């Protein structure tokens, strides 16, 4: 994918700064391993052009995410940040079974297993190829390692479902909806049912919209 200006308004200064900013933003997002041969340098950029570049990059980020390549979009919400469809982005979830000790949180894209989480060091006999490949990929990329008798996450890692994350932690199949729990021991099924009940109660409590009857009137004497 290549980003271009349809109005031909980008100067060489725009391009140089956008290259540097894109690489830094992708590194902070930390979703993919970058293979850029050129690390780019931060060129002197006048403030108005710099502001334009940040706006351009915001648009590029949205387009990339829409196309299924969220290269510039961080998986880590900042403290108190809210994302669409995510009622409580920073509520901690815990996975503490089968010798695992992991922490994470839900996002609209799935679940993030946080750095320092520990899973079982070995694969189970019935582990699927997907679990094997995911573990190997994480170790090869340096995002996880076998340390002190555990499979340790060295960085935050996004999974598309709680069960996928749980399977990597235990080294085999797992029902993440009952294994991931909040700090009071409620699993995801309970939390989801509670959220649905709350939403239903809010809908029922909402005042009915005002209605106006429109019709033909007959004048009286």
N, C-alpha and C. Protein backbone atom coordinates (compact mmCIF):
# COMPACT_ATOMS: atom_id res chain seq x y z
N UNK A 1 0.84 -1.18 0.00
CA UNK A 1 0.00 0.00 0.00
C UNK A 1 0.88 1.24 0.00
N UNK A 2 0.49 2.21 -0.79
CA UNK A 2 1.25 3.45 -0.93
C UNK A 2 0.30 4.63 -0.71
N UNK A 3 0.70 5.57 0.13
CA UNK A 3 -0.09 6.77 0.36
C UNK A 3 0.40 7.88 -0.57
N UNK A 4 -0.52 8.54 -1.24
CA UNK A 4 -0.16 9.62 -2.15
C UNK A 4 -1.10 10.80 -1.90
N UNK A 5 -0.70 11.96 -2.37
CA UNK A 5 -1.55 13.14 -2.30
C UNK A 5 -2.24 13.32 -3.64
N UNK A 6 -3.57 13.25 -3.66
CA UNK A 6 -4.31 13.39 -4.91
C UNK A 6 -4.27 14.82 -5.42
N UNK A 7 -3.95 15.76 -4.53
CA UNK A 7 -3.89 17.17 -4.94
C UNK A 7 -2.46 17.63 -5.20
N UNK A 8 -1.51 16.71 -5.10
CA UNK A 8 -0.10 17.03 -5.36
C UNK A 8 0.42 18.17 -4.47
N UNK A 9 -0.06 18.23 -3.23
CA UNK A 9 0.35 19.32 -2.34
C UNK A 9 1.54 18.95 -1.46
N UNK A 10 1.96 17.69 -1.50
CA UNK A 10 3.08 17.29 -0.65
C UNK A 10 4.40 17.75 -1.26
N UNK A 11 5.20 18.39 -0.44
CA UNK A 11 6.54 18.78 -0.86
C UNK A 11 7.53 17.71 -0.38
N UNK A 12 8.79 17.87 -0.72
CA UNK A 12 9.79 16.92 -0.24
C UNK A 12 9.90 16.98 1.28
N UNK A 13 9.64 18.15 1.85
CA UNK A 13 9.65 18.27 3.32
C UNK A 13 8.51 17.47 3.93
N UNK A 14 7.32 17.57 3.33
CA UNK A 14 6.19 16.76 3.78
C UNK A 14 6.57 15.27 3.77
N UNK A 15 7.10 14.83 2.65
CA UNK A 15 7.39 13.40 2.48
C UNK A 15 8.44 12.93 3.49
N UNK A 16 9.50 13.71 3.67
CA UNK A 16 10.55 13.31 4.61
C UNK A 16 10.02 13.22 6.03
N UNK A 17 9.23 14.22 6.43
CA UNK A 17 8.71 14.20 7.79
C UNK A 17 7.68 13.09 7.95
N UNK A 18 6.83 12.87 6.94
CA UNK A 18 5.84 11.78 7.01
C UNK A 18 6.51 10.42 7.12
N UNK A 19 7.64 10.25 6.41
CA UNK A 19 8.36 8.98 6.50
C UNK A 19 8.86 8.75 7.93
N UNK A 20 9.49 9.78 8.49
CA UNK A 20 10.01 9.67 9.86
C UNK A 20 8.86 9.44 10.85
N UNK A 21 7.79 10.20 10.70
CA UNK A 21 6.66 10.10 11.63
C UNK A 21 5.96 8.75 11.51
N UNK A 22 5.83 8.24 10.31
CA UNK A 22 5.18 6.94 10.10
C UNK A 22 5.95 5.82 10.79
N UNK A 23 7.27 5.83 10.63
CA UNK A 23 8.09 4.79 11.25
C UNK A 23 8.00 4.87 12.77
N UNK A 24 8.08 6.09 13.32
CA UNK A 24 8.00 6.24 14.77
C UNK A 24 6.63 5.82 15.29
N UNK A 25 5.58 6.17 14.57
CA UNK A 25 4.23 5.81 15.00
C UNK A 25 4.02 4.30 14.95
N UNK A 26 4.53 3.66 13.90
CA UNK A 26 4.41 2.21 13.78
C UNK A 26 5.20 1.50 14.88
N UNK A 27 6.36 2.06 15.22
CA UNK A 27 7.15 1.47 16.30
C UNK A 27 6.43 1.58 17.64
N UNK A 28 5.80 2.72 17.89
CA UNK A 28 5.05 2.89 19.14
C UNK A 28 3.82 1.99 19.17
N UNK A 29 3.16 1.83 18.02
CA UNK A 29 1.99 0.95 17.96
C UNK A 29 2.39 -0.49 18.26
N UNK A 30 3.56 -0.89 17.76
CA UNK A 30 4.16 -2.19 18.10
C UNK A 30 3.26 -3.36 17.73
N UNK A 31 2.59 -3.26 16.60
CA UNK A 31 1.76 -4.37 16.13
C UNK A 31 2.54 -5.30 15.20
N UNK A 32 3.47 -4.74 14.46
CA UNK A 32 4.21 -5.50 13.45
C UNK A 32 5.71 -5.28 13.61
N UNK A 33 6.48 -6.24 13.13
CA UNK A 33 7.93 -6.09 13.09
C UNK A 33 8.29 -5.35 11.81
N UNK A 34 8.92 -4.20 11.94
CA UNK A 34 9.27 -3.40 10.77
C UNK A 34 10.55 -3.91 10.13
N UNK A 35 10.58 -3.90 8.81
CA UNK A 35 11.75 -4.37 8.07
C UNK A 35 12.35 -3.24 7.23
N UNK A 36 12.07 -2.00 7.60
CA UNK A 36 12.59 -0.85 6.85
C UNK A 36 14.11 -0.84 6.83
N UNK A 37 14.68 -0.70 5.64
CA UNK A 37 16.12 -0.56 5.56
C UNK A 37 16.56 0.84 5.95
N UNK A 38 15.67 1.82 5.72
CA UNK A 38 15.97 3.21 6.04
C UNK A 38 15.21 3.58 7.31
N UNK A 39 15.95 3.94 8.36
CA UNK A 39 15.31 4.29 9.63
C UNK A 39 14.76 5.71 9.61
N UNK A 40 15.13 6.51 8.63
CA UNK A 40 14.69 7.89 8.44
C UNK A 40 15.19 8.78 9.57
N UNK A 41 15.29 10.06 9.28
CA UNK A 41 15.71 11.03 10.28
C UNK A 41 14.66 12.12 10.37
N UNK A 42 14.62 12.78 11.50
CA UNK A 42 13.63 13.83 11.72
C UNK A 42 14.13 15.13 11.11
N UNK A 43 13.59 15.51 9.95
CA UNK A 43 14.09 16.73 9.31
C UNK A 43 13.48 17.97 9.96
N UNK A 44 14.15 19.10 9.79
CA UNK A 44 13.56 20.35 10.27
C UNK A 44 12.30 20.62 9.45
N UNK A 45 11.19 20.79 10.17
CA UNK A 45 9.91 20.99 9.51
C UNK A 45 9.19 22.16 10.15
N UNK A 46 8.84 23.18 9.39
CA UNK A 46 8.10 24.32 9.95
C UNK A 46 6.81 23.84 10.63
N UNK A 47 6.41 24.50 11.68
CA UNK A 47 5.25 24.08 12.48
C UNK A 47 3.98 23.87 11.64
N UNK A 48 3.65 24.78 10.69
CA UNK A 48 2.43 24.56 9.90
C UNK A 48 2.49 23.27 9.09
N UNK A 49 3.66 22.96 8.48
CA UNK A 49 3.80 21.73 7.71
C UNK A 49 3.75 20.51 8.62
N UNK A 50 4.34 20.63 9.82
CA UNK A 50 4.31 19.52 10.77
C UNK A 50 2.88 19.20 11.17
N UNK A 51 2.08 20.24 11.42
CA UNK A 51 0.67 20.03 11.78
C UNK A 51 -0.08 19.37 10.64
N UNK A 52 0.21 19.79 9.41
CA UNK A 52 -0.42 19.16 8.24
C UNK A 52 -0.09 17.67 8.18
N UNK A 53 1.18 17.34 8.44
CA UNK A 53 1.62 15.94 8.35
C UNK A 53 0.92 15.07 9.39
N UNK A 54 0.73 15.59 10.59
CA UNK A 54 0.02 14.83 11.62
C UNK A 54 -1.42 14.58 11.18
N UNK A 55 -2.03 15.56 10.55
CA UNK A 55 -3.40 15.38 10.06
C UNK A 55 -3.43 14.37 8.92
N UNK A 56 -2.45 14.45 8.02
CA UNK A 56 -2.38 13.48 6.92
C UNK A 56 -2.22 12.06 7.48
N UNK A 57 -1.34 11.93 8.49
CA UNK A 57 -1.08 10.59 9.03
C UNK A 57 -2.29 10.04 9.76
N UNK A 58 -3.07 10.89 10.40
CA UNK A 58 -4.31 10.43 11.03
C UNK A 58 -5.24 9.83 9.99
N UNK A 59 -5.35 10.49 8.85
CA UNK A 59 -6.20 9.98 7.77
C UNK A 59 -5.66 8.67 7.22
N UNK A 60 -4.34 8.60 7.03
CA UNK A 60 -3.72 7.37 6.53
C UNK A 60 -3.96 6.23 7.50
N UNK A 61 -3.85 6.50 8.81
CA UNK A 61 -4.05 5.46 9.82
C UNK A 61 -5.46 4.90 9.75
N UNK A 62 -6.46 5.78 9.60
CA UNK A 62 -7.86 5.33 9.51
C UNK A 62 -8.06 4.46 8.27
N UNK A 63 -7.48 4.88 7.16
CA UNK A 63 -7.62 4.12 5.91
C UNK A 63 -6.96 2.75 6.02
N UNK A 64 -5.77 2.70 6.61
CA UNK A 64 -5.07 1.42 6.78
C UNK A 64 -5.88 0.47 7.67
N UNK A 65 -6.41 1.00 8.77
CA UNK A 65 -7.21 0.17 9.67
C UNK A 65 -8.45 -0.35 8.97
N UNK A 66 -9.08 0.50 8.17
CA UNK A 66 -10.28 0.09 7.42
C UNK A 66 -9.95 -1.02 6.44
N UNK A 67 -8.74 -1.00 5.89
CA UNK A 67 -8.32 -2.03 4.94
C UNK A 67 -7.78 -3.28 5.64
N UNK A 68 -7.83 -3.29 6.96
CA UNK A 68 -7.40 -4.48 7.71
C UNK A 68 -5.93 -4.51 8.03
N UNK A 69 -5.27 -3.35 7.96
CA UNK A 69 -3.84 -3.28 8.29
C UNK A 69 -3.60 -2.14 9.28
N UNK A 70 -3.97 -2.33 10.56
CA UNK A 70 -3.84 -1.24 11.55
C UNK A 70 -2.40 -1.01 12.00
N UNK A 71 -1.53 -0.72 11.04
CA UNK A 71 -0.10 -0.61 11.32
C UNK A 71 0.19 0.53 12.29
N UNK A 72 -0.57 1.62 12.18
CA UNK A 72 -0.27 2.81 12.97
C UNK A 72 -1.17 2.95 14.19
N UNK A 73 -2.03 2.00 14.41
CA UNK A 73 -3.02 2.08 15.49
C UNK A 73 -2.57 1.25 16.67
N UNK A 74 -2.28 1.89 17.80
CA UNK A 74 -1.79 1.18 18.97
C UNK A 74 -2.87 0.30 19.58
N UNK A 75 -2.47 -0.85 20.13
CA UNK A 75 -3.42 -1.72 20.83
C UNK A 75 -3.53 -1.31 22.29
N UNK A 76 -2.73 -0.38 22.73
CA UNK A 76 -2.71 0.01 24.14
C UNK A 76 -3.48 1.30 24.36
N UNK A 77 -4.68 1.24 24.92
CA UNK A 77 -5.38 2.49 25.24
C UNK A 77 -4.68 3.19 26.40
N UNK A 78 -4.64 4.50 26.35
CA UNK A 78 -4.08 5.23 27.47
C UNK A 78 -5.07 5.22 28.62
N UNK A 79 -4.59 5.57 29.81
CA UNK A 79 -5.43 5.52 30.99
C UNK A 79 -6.68 6.37 30.78
N UNK A 80 -7.85 5.75 30.94
CA UNK A 80 -9.10 6.47 30.81
C UNK A 80 -9.59 6.61 29.39
N UNK A 81 -8.83 6.14 28.41
CA UNK A 81 -9.24 6.28 27.02
C UNK A 81 -10.41 5.36 26.74
N UNK A 82 -11.36 5.85 25.98
CA UNK A 82 -12.52 5.04 25.60
C UNK A 82 -12.53 4.85 24.10
N UNK A 83 -12.84 3.64 23.66
CA UNK A 83 -12.91 3.36 22.24
C UNK A 83 -14.32 2.94 21.88
N UNK A 84 -14.74 3.16 20.62
CA UNK A 84 -16.09 2.80 20.23
C UNK A 84 -16.37 1.32 20.51
N UNK A 85 -17.51 1.07 21.14
CA UNK A 85 -17.91 -0.30 21.40
C UNK A 85 -17.24 -0.91 22.60
N UNK A 86 -16.44 -0.14 23.33
CA UNK A 86 -15.72 -0.66 24.48
C UNK A 86 -16.14 0.11 25.71
N UNK A 87 -16.99 -0.49 26.55
CA UNK A 87 -17.55 0.22 27.69
C UNK A 87 -16.52 0.46 28.79
N UNK A 88 -15.64 -0.52 29.01
CA UNK A 88 -14.66 -0.38 30.09
C UNK A 88 -13.31 -0.91 29.63
N UNK A 89 -12.60 -0.12 28.77
CA UNK A 89 -11.39 -0.61 28.12
C UNK A 89 -10.26 -0.99 29.07
N UNK A 90 -10.23 -0.40 30.28
CA UNK A 90 -9.11 -0.64 31.17
C UNK A 90 -9.44 -1.58 32.31
N UNK A 91 -10.59 -2.25 32.28
CA UNK A 91 -10.92 -3.20 33.33
C UNK A 91 -10.02 -4.42 33.20
N UNK A 92 -9.32 -4.75 34.27
CA UNK A 92 -8.37 -5.86 34.21
C UNK A 92 -9.06 -7.20 34.21
N UNK A 93 -8.53 -8.12 33.42
CA UNK A 93 -8.97 -9.51 33.38
C UNK A 93 -7.77 -10.39 33.72
N UNK A 94 -8.06 -11.53 34.35
CA UNK A 94 -6.99 -12.40 34.82
C UNK A 94 -7.23 -13.84 34.37
N UNK A 95 -6.12 -14.52 34.07
CA UNK A 95 -6.15 -15.93 33.67
C UNK A 95 -5.23 -16.68 34.63
N UNK A 96 -5.84 -17.37 35.59
CA UNK A 96 -5.05 -18.03 36.63
C UNK A 96 -5.52 -19.46 36.81
N UNK A 97 -5.14 -20.29 35.87
CA UNK A 97 -5.44 -21.71 35.95
C UNK A 97 -4.42 -22.48 35.14
N UNK A 98 -4.33 -23.78 35.38
CA UNK A 98 -3.39 -24.64 34.66
C UNK A 98 -1.95 -24.14 34.76
N UNK A 99 -1.61 -23.53 35.89
CA UNK A 99 -0.25 -23.05 36.08
C UNK A 99 0.04 -21.73 35.42
N UNK A 100 -0.98 -21.04 34.92
CA UNK A 100 -0.79 -19.76 34.24
C UNK A 100 -1.08 -18.59 35.19
N UNK A 101 -0.45 -17.48 34.92
CA UNK A 101 -0.69 -16.26 35.68
C UNK A 101 -0.59 -15.10 34.70
N UNK A 102 -1.74 -14.74 34.11
CA UNK A 102 -1.75 -13.74 33.04
C UNK A 102 -2.77 -12.65 33.34
N UNK A 103 -2.51 -11.49 32.76
CA UNK A 103 -3.42 -10.36 32.90
C UNK A 103 -3.67 -9.77 31.53
N UNK A 104 -4.88 -9.24 31.31
CA UNK A 104 -5.20 -8.64 30.03
C UNK A 104 -6.41 -7.74 30.13
N UNK A 105 -6.87 -7.27 28.97
CA UNK A 105 -8.08 -6.46 28.93
C UNK A 105 -8.70 -6.59 27.54
N UNK A 106 -10.02 -6.38 27.49
CA UNK A 106 -10.75 -6.49 26.24
C UNK A 106 -10.63 -5.20 25.44
N UNK A 107 -10.64 -5.34 24.12
CA UNK A 107 -10.73 -4.21 23.21
C UNK A 107 -11.77 -4.59 22.15
N UNK A 108 -12.20 -3.64 21.31
CA UNK A 108 -13.14 -3.99 20.24
C UNK A 108 -12.57 -5.03 19.27
N UNK A 109 -11.24 -5.21 19.26
CA UNK A 109 -10.61 -6.15 18.34
C UNK A 109 -10.39 -7.53 18.95
N UNK A 110 -10.56 -7.67 20.24
CA UNK A 110 -10.30 -8.96 20.89
C UNK A 110 -9.83 -8.76 22.31
N UNK A 111 -8.76 -9.44 22.69
CA UNK A 111 -8.22 -9.31 24.04
C UNK A 111 -6.71 -9.15 23.96
N UNK A 112 -6.19 -8.26 24.79
CA UNK A 112 -4.75 -8.02 24.85
C UNK A 112 -4.19 -8.73 26.08
N UNK A 113 -3.24 -9.62 25.85
CA UNK A 113 -2.50 -10.26 26.95
C UNK A 113 -1.31 -9.35 27.25
N UNK A 114 -1.18 -8.93 28.48
CA UNK A 114 -0.19 -7.93 28.82
C UNK A 114 1.20 -8.51 29.08
N UNK A 115 2.17 -7.67 28.85
CA UNK A 115 3.57 -8.01 29.07
C UNK A 115 3.78 -8.53 30.49
N UNK A 116 4.58 -9.59 30.60
CA UNK A 116 4.84 -10.20 31.89
C UNK A 116 3.93 -11.36 32.22
N UNK A 117 2.88 -11.55 31.43
CA UNK A 117 1.98 -12.68 31.66
C UNK A 117 2.72 -13.99 31.45
N UNK A 118 2.35 -15.01 32.24
CA UNK A 118 3.07 -16.28 32.21
C UNK A 118 2.10 -17.42 31.90
N UNK A 119 2.51 -18.24 30.93
CA UNK A 119 1.73 -19.41 30.56
C UNK A 119 2.53 -20.69 30.78
N UNK A 120 1.93 -21.83 30.44
CA UNK A 120 2.62 -23.10 30.59
C UNK A 120 3.79 -23.17 29.60
N UNK A 121 4.91 -23.76 30.02
CA UNK A 121 6.08 -23.80 29.13
C UNK A 121 5.94 -24.80 27.99
N UNK A 122 5.12 -25.83 28.19
CA UNK A 122 5.03 -26.92 27.20
C UNK A 122 3.67 -26.94 26.52
N UNK A 123 3.66 -27.47 25.32
CA UNK A 123 2.42 -27.68 24.60
C UNK A 123 1.76 -28.97 25.06
N UNK A 124 0.45 -28.98 25.06
CA UNK A 124 -0.28 -30.20 25.35
C UNK A 124 -0.31 -31.08 24.11
N UNK A 125 -0.55 -32.36 24.30
CA UNK A 125 -0.54 -33.28 23.18
C UNK A 125 -1.57 -32.96 22.11
N UNK A 126 -2.71 -32.39 22.53
CA UNK A 126 -3.78 -32.09 21.59
C UNK A 126 -3.72 -30.65 21.07
N UNK A 127 -2.61 -29.99 21.26
CA UNK A 127 -2.50 -28.60 20.79
C UNK A 127 -2.66 -28.52 19.28
N UNK A 128 -3.43 -27.54 18.82
CA UNK A 128 -3.65 -27.38 17.39
C UNK A 128 -2.42 -26.76 16.72
N UNK A 129 -2.38 -26.86 15.41
CA UNK A 129 -1.27 -26.28 14.66
C UNK A 129 -1.24 -24.77 14.83
N UNK A 130 -2.41 -24.17 14.96
CA UNK A 130 -2.47 -22.72 15.14
C UNK A 130 -1.78 -22.31 16.45
N UNK A 131 -2.03 -23.06 17.51
CA UNK A 131 -1.39 -22.75 18.79
C UNK A 131 0.12 -22.94 18.69
N UNK A 132 0.53 -24.03 18.06
CA UNK A 132 1.97 -24.28 17.89
C UNK A 132 2.63 -23.15 17.10
N UNK A 133 2.01 -22.77 15.99
CA UNK A 133 2.59 -21.75 15.13
C UNK A 133 2.63 -20.38 15.82
N UNK A 134 1.57 -20.08 16.58
CA UNK A 134 1.54 -18.79 17.27
C UNK A 134 2.63 -18.71 18.32
N UNK A 135 2.79 -19.77 19.08
CA UNK A 135 3.86 -19.79 20.09
C UNK A 135 5.24 -19.66 19.46
N UNK A 136 5.47 -20.41 18.41
CA UNK A 136 6.77 -20.35 17.74
C UNK A 136 7.04 -18.95 17.18
N UNK A 137 6.00 -18.34 16.60
CA UNK A 137 6.16 -17.01 16.03
C UNK A 137 6.48 -15.98 17.11
N UNK A 138 5.82 -16.08 18.25
CA UNK A 138 6.08 -15.15 19.34
C UNK A 138 7.50 -15.29 19.88
N UNK A 139 7.96 -16.52 19.98
CA UNK A 139 9.33 -16.76 20.48
C UNK A 139 10.36 -16.29 19.46
N UNK A 140 10.13 -16.62 18.19
CA UNK A 140 11.08 -16.25 17.13
C UNK A 140 11.21 -14.73 17.01
N UNK A 141 10.09 -14.02 17.17
CA UNK A 141 10.10 -12.56 17.04
C UNK A 141 10.60 -11.86 18.30
N UNK A 142 10.81 -12.63 19.38
CA UNK A 142 11.28 -12.04 20.62
C UNK A 142 10.17 -11.46 21.48
N UNK A 143 8.92 -11.66 21.08
CA UNK A 143 7.80 -11.11 21.85
C UNK A 143 7.43 -12.00 23.04
N UNK A 144 7.99 -13.19 23.06
CA UNK A 144 7.77 -14.11 24.19
C UNK A 144 8.99 -15.00 24.29
N UNK A 145 9.13 -15.66 25.43
CA UNK A 145 10.29 -16.54 25.64
C UNK A 145 9.96 -17.56 26.73
N UNK A 146 10.68 -18.67 26.71
CA UNK A 146 10.58 -19.63 27.80
C UNK A 146 11.58 -19.21 28.86
N UNK A 147 11.08 -18.77 30.02
CA UNK A 147 11.93 -18.26 31.08
C UNK A 147 11.45 -18.80 32.42
N UNK A 148 12.36 -19.30 33.21
CA UNK A 148 12.04 -19.76 34.57
C UNK A 148 10.85 -20.73 34.58
N UNK A 149 10.87 -21.63 33.62
CA UNK A 149 9.82 -22.65 33.59
C UNK A 149 8.46 -22.14 33.20
N UNK A 150 8.40 -21.07 32.39
CA UNK A 150 7.12 -20.52 31.96
C UNK A 150 7.24 -19.91 30.57
N UNK A 151 6.10 -19.82 29.88
CA UNK A 151 6.03 -19.12 28.60
C UNK A 151 5.68 -17.67 28.93
N UNK A 152 6.66 -16.77 28.81
CA UNK A 152 6.51 -15.41 29.30
C UNK A 152 6.34 -14.43 28.14
N UNK A 153 5.31 -13.59 28.22
CA UNK A 153 5.10 -12.54 27.23
C UNK A 153 6.02 -11.36 27.54
N UNK A 154 6.84 -11.00 26.58
CA UNK A 154 7.74 -9.88 26.75
C UNK A 154 7.12 -8.56 26.32
N UNK A 155 5.96 -8.62 25.68
CA UNK A 155 5.27 -7.41 25.25
C UNK A 155 3.78 -7.68 25.21
N UNK A 156 2.97 -6.62 25.15
CA UNK A 156 1.53 -6.80 25.01
C UNK A 156 1.24 -7.49 23.68
N UNK A 157 0.26 -8.39 23.69
CA UNK A 157 -0.06 -9.13 22.47
C UNK A 157 -1.57 -9.20 22.29
N UNK A 158 -2.04 -8.81 21.11
CA UNK A 158 -3.46 -8.81 20.80
C UNK A 158 -3.88 -10.14 20.19
N UNK A 159 -4.95 -10.73 20.72
CA UNK A 159 -5.55 -11.95 20.16
C UNK A 159 -6.98 -11.64 19.76
N UNK A 160 -7.47 -12.36 18.74
CA UNK A 160 -8.80 -12.03 18.24
C UNK A 160 -9.93 -12.56 19.11
N UNK A 161 -9.62 -13.40 20.09
CA UNK A 161 -10.65 -13.90 21.00
C UNK A 161 -10.02 -14.34 22.31
N UNK A 162 -10.81 -14.34 23.40
CA UNK A 162 -10.30 -14.81 24.69
C UNK A 162 -9.84 -16.27 24.64
N UNK A 163 -10.52 -17.10 23.84
CA UNK A 163 -10.13 -18.51 23.75
C UNK A 163 -8.81 -18.68 23.03
N UNK A 164 -8.55 -17.84 22.01
CA UNK A 164 -7.27 -17.92 21.29
C UNK A 164 -6.13 -17.56 22.23
N UNK A 165 -6.35 -16.52 23.04
CA UNK A 165 -5.32 -16.13 24.01
C UNK A 165 -5.12 -17.21 25.06
N UNK A 166 -6.22 -17.78 25.55
CA UNK A 166 -6.13 -18.83 26.55
C UNK A 166 -5.43 -20.07 26.03
N UNK A 167 -5.66 -20.40 24.77
CA UNK A 167 -5.04 -21.58 24.18
C UNK A 167 -3.52 -21.44 24.12
N UNK A 168 -3.04 -20.24 23.80
CA UNK A 168 -1.60 -20.01 23.76
C UNK A 168 -1.02 -20.08 25.16
N UNK A 169 -1.74 -19.58 26.14
CA UNK A 169 -1.26 -19.61 27.52
C UNK A 169 -1.13 -21.04 28.05
N UNK A 170 -2.15 -21.87 27.82
CA UNK A 170 -2.13 -23.22 28.38
C UNK A 170 -1.45 -24.21 27.44
N UNK A 171 -1.19 -23.79 26.19
CA UNK A 171 -0.55 -24.69 25.23
C UNK A 171 -1.49 -25.74 24.69
N UNK A 172 -2.77 -25.42 24.62
CA UNK A 172 -3.78 -26.35 24.11
C UNK A 172 -5.13 -25.67 24.08
N UNK A 173 -6.19 -26.43 23.86
CA UNK A 173 -7.51 -25.84 23.75
C UNK A 173 -7.94 -25.22 25.09
N UNK A 174 -8.78 -24.17 24.97
CA UNK A 174 -9.23 -23.47 26.17
C UNK A 174 -10.50 -22.68 25.86
N UNK A 175 -11.44 -22.67 26.80
CA UNK A 175 -12.63 -21.84 26.69
C UNK A 175 -12.35 -20.54 27.43
N UNK A 176 -11.90 -19.55 26.70
CA UNK A 176 -11.50 -18.30 27.32
C UNK A 176 -12.63 -17.54 27.97
N UNK A 177 -13.86 -17.81 27.58
CA UNK A 177 -14.99 -17.07 28.14
C UNK A 177 -15.25 -17.43 29.60
N UNK A 178 -14.76 -18.58 30.02
CA UNK A 178 -14.91 -18.93 31.44
C UNK A 178 -13.56 -18.90 32.17
N UNK A 179 -12.47 -18.84 31.43
CA UNK A 179 -11.15 -18.83 32.06
C UNK A 179 -10.69 -17.42 32.41
N UNK A 180 -11.02 -16.44 31.57
CA UNK A 180 -10.68 -15.05 31.86
C UNK A 180 -11.72 -14.47 32.82
N UNK A 181 -11.24 -13.90 33.93
CA UNK A 181 -12.15 -13.38 34.96
C UNK A 181 -11.66 -12.03 35.45
N UNK A 182 -12.59 -11.27 36.03
CA UNK A 182 -12.18 -10.00 36.62
C UNK A 182 -11.64 -10.24 38.03
N UNK A 183 -11.31 -9.17 38.74
CA UNK A 183 -10.66 -9.36 40.04
C UNK A 183 -11.59 -9.88 41.13
N UNK A 184 -12.90 -9.96 40.82
CA UNK A 184 -13.83 -10.54 41.79
C UNK A 184 -14.24 -11.96 41.41
N UNK A 185 -13.62 -12.50 40.34
CA UNK A 185 -13.89 -13.88 39.97
C UNK A 185 -15.03 -14.09 38.99
N UNK A 186 -15.55 -13.00 38.42
CA UNK A 186 -16.64 -13.14 37.44
C UNK A 186 -16.05 -13.38 36.06
N UNK A 187 -16.53 -14.42 35.36
CA UNK A 187 -15.99 -14.71 34.04
C UNK A 187 -16.68 -13.86 32.98
N UNK A 188 -16.21 -13.98 31.74
CA UNK A 188 -16.73 -13.13 30.67
C UNK A 188 -18.20 -13.37 30.39
N UNK A 189 -18.68 -14.60 30.56
CA UNK A 189 -20.10 -14.86 30.36
C UNK A 189 -20.94 -14.05 31.34
N UNK A 190 -20.50 -14.03 32.60
CA UNK A 190 -21.23 -13.28 33.63
C UNK A 190 -21.16 -11.79 33.34
N UNK A 191 -19.98 -11.30 32.99
CA UNK A 191 -19.81 -9.88 32.72
C UNK A 191 -20.65 -9.45 31.52
N UNK A 192 -20.70 -10.27 30.48
CA UNK A 192 -21.48 -9.94 29.29
C UNK A 192 -22.97 -9.93 29.62
N UNK A 193 -23.44 -10.93 30.38
CA UNK A 193 -24.85 -10.98 30.76
C UNK A 193 -25.23 -9.75 31.58
N UNK A 194 -24.34 -9.33 32.47
CA UNK A 194 -24.61 -8.16 33.29
C UNK A 194 -24.68 -6.90 32.44
N UNK A 195 -23.77 -6.77 31.48
CA UNK A 195 -23.78 -5.60 30.60
C UNK A 195 -25.05 -5.56 29.75
N UNK A 196 -25.48 -6.73 29.26
CA UNK A 196 -26.70 -6.78 28.47
C UNK A 196 -27.92 -6.41 29.30
N UNK A 197 -27.96 -6.90 30.55
CA UNK A 197 -29.06 -6.57 31.44
C UNK A 197 -29.09 -5.07 31.75
N UNK A 198 -27.90 -4.48 31.95
CA UNK A 198 -27.83 -3.05 32.23
C UNK A 198 -28.30 -2.25 31.02
N UNK A 199 -27.89 -2.66 29.83
CA UNK A 199 -28.29 -1.95 28.61
C UNK A 199 -29.80 -2.05 28.41
N UNK A 200 -30.36 -3.23 28.69
CA UNK A 200 -31.80 -3.42 28.55
C UNK A 200 -32.56 -2.53 29.54
N UNK A 201 -32.07 -2.45 30.77
CA UNK A 201 -32.71 -1.62 31.79
C UNK A 201 -32.66 -0.15 31.40
N UNK A 202 -31.55 0.27 30.81
CA UNK A 202 -31.43 1.66 30.38
C UNK A 202 -32.40 1.97 29.25
N UNK A 203 -32.59 1.01 28.32
CA UNK A 203 -33.54 1.23 27.23
C UNK A 203 -34.96 1.34 27.76
N UNK A 204 -35.28 0.46 28.73
CA UNK A 204 -36.64 0.47 29.27
C UNK A 204 -36.91 1.71 30.10
N UNK A 205 -35.86 2.26 30.71
CA UNK A 205 -36.02 3.44 31.56
C UNK A 205 -36.01 4.73 30.76
N UNK A 206 -35.57 4.66 29.52
CA UNK A 206 -35.48 5.86 28.70
C UNK A 206 -36.88 6.40 28.44
N UNK A 207 -37.07 7.73 28.54
CA UNK A 207 -38.40 8.31 28.29
C UNK A 207 -38.82 8.12 26.84
N UNK A 208 -40.12 7.88 26.66
CA UNK A 208 -40.63 7.72 25.30
C UNK A 208 -40.51 9.04 24.56
N UNK A 209 -40.21 8.96 23.29
CA UNK A 209 -40.06 10.17 22.49
C UNK A 209 -41.42 10.84 22.33
N UNK A 210 -41.39 12.16 22.30
CA UNK A 210 -42.63 12.91 22.13
C UNK A 210 -43.25 12.59 20.77
N UNK A 211 -44.57 12.49 20.74
CA UNK A 211 -45.25 12.20 19.48
C UNK A 211 -46.26 13.30 19.20
N UNK A 212 -46.46 13.57 17.95
CA UNK A 212 -47.41 14.60 17.52
C UNK A 212 -48.35 13.99 16.53
N UNK A 213 -49.63 14.17 16.77
CA UNK A 213 -50.64 13.63 15.85
C UNK A 213 -50.96 14.70 14.83
N UNK A 214 -50.82 14.32 13.58
CA UNK A 214 -51.09 15.27 12.50
C UNK A 214 -52.36 14.83 11.80
N UNK A 215 -53.28 15.72 11.61
CA UNK A 215 -54.54 15.36 10.93
C UNK A 215 -55.28 16.60 10.48
N UNK A 216 -56.36 16.36 9.84
CA UNK A 216 -57.17 17.47 9.34
C UNK A 216 -58.17 17.90 10.39
N UNK A 217 -58.27 19.16 10.63
CA UNK A 217 -59.20 19.66 11.64
C UNK A 217 -60.45 20.26 10.96
N UNK A 218 -61.55 20.18 11.69
CA UNK A 218 -62.79 20.77 11.18
C UNK A 218 -63.07 22.03 11.99
N UNK A 219 -63.07 23.15 11.36
CA UNK A 219 -63.31 24.39 12.10
C UNK A 219 -64.69 24.42 12.72
N UNK A 220 -64.80 24.99 13.87
CA UNK A 220 -66.12 25.12 14.52
C UNK A 220 -66.56 26.57 14.50
N UNK A 221 -67.84 26.75 14.57
CA UNK A 221 -68.40 28.09 14.51
C UNK A 221 -68.12 28.80 15.83
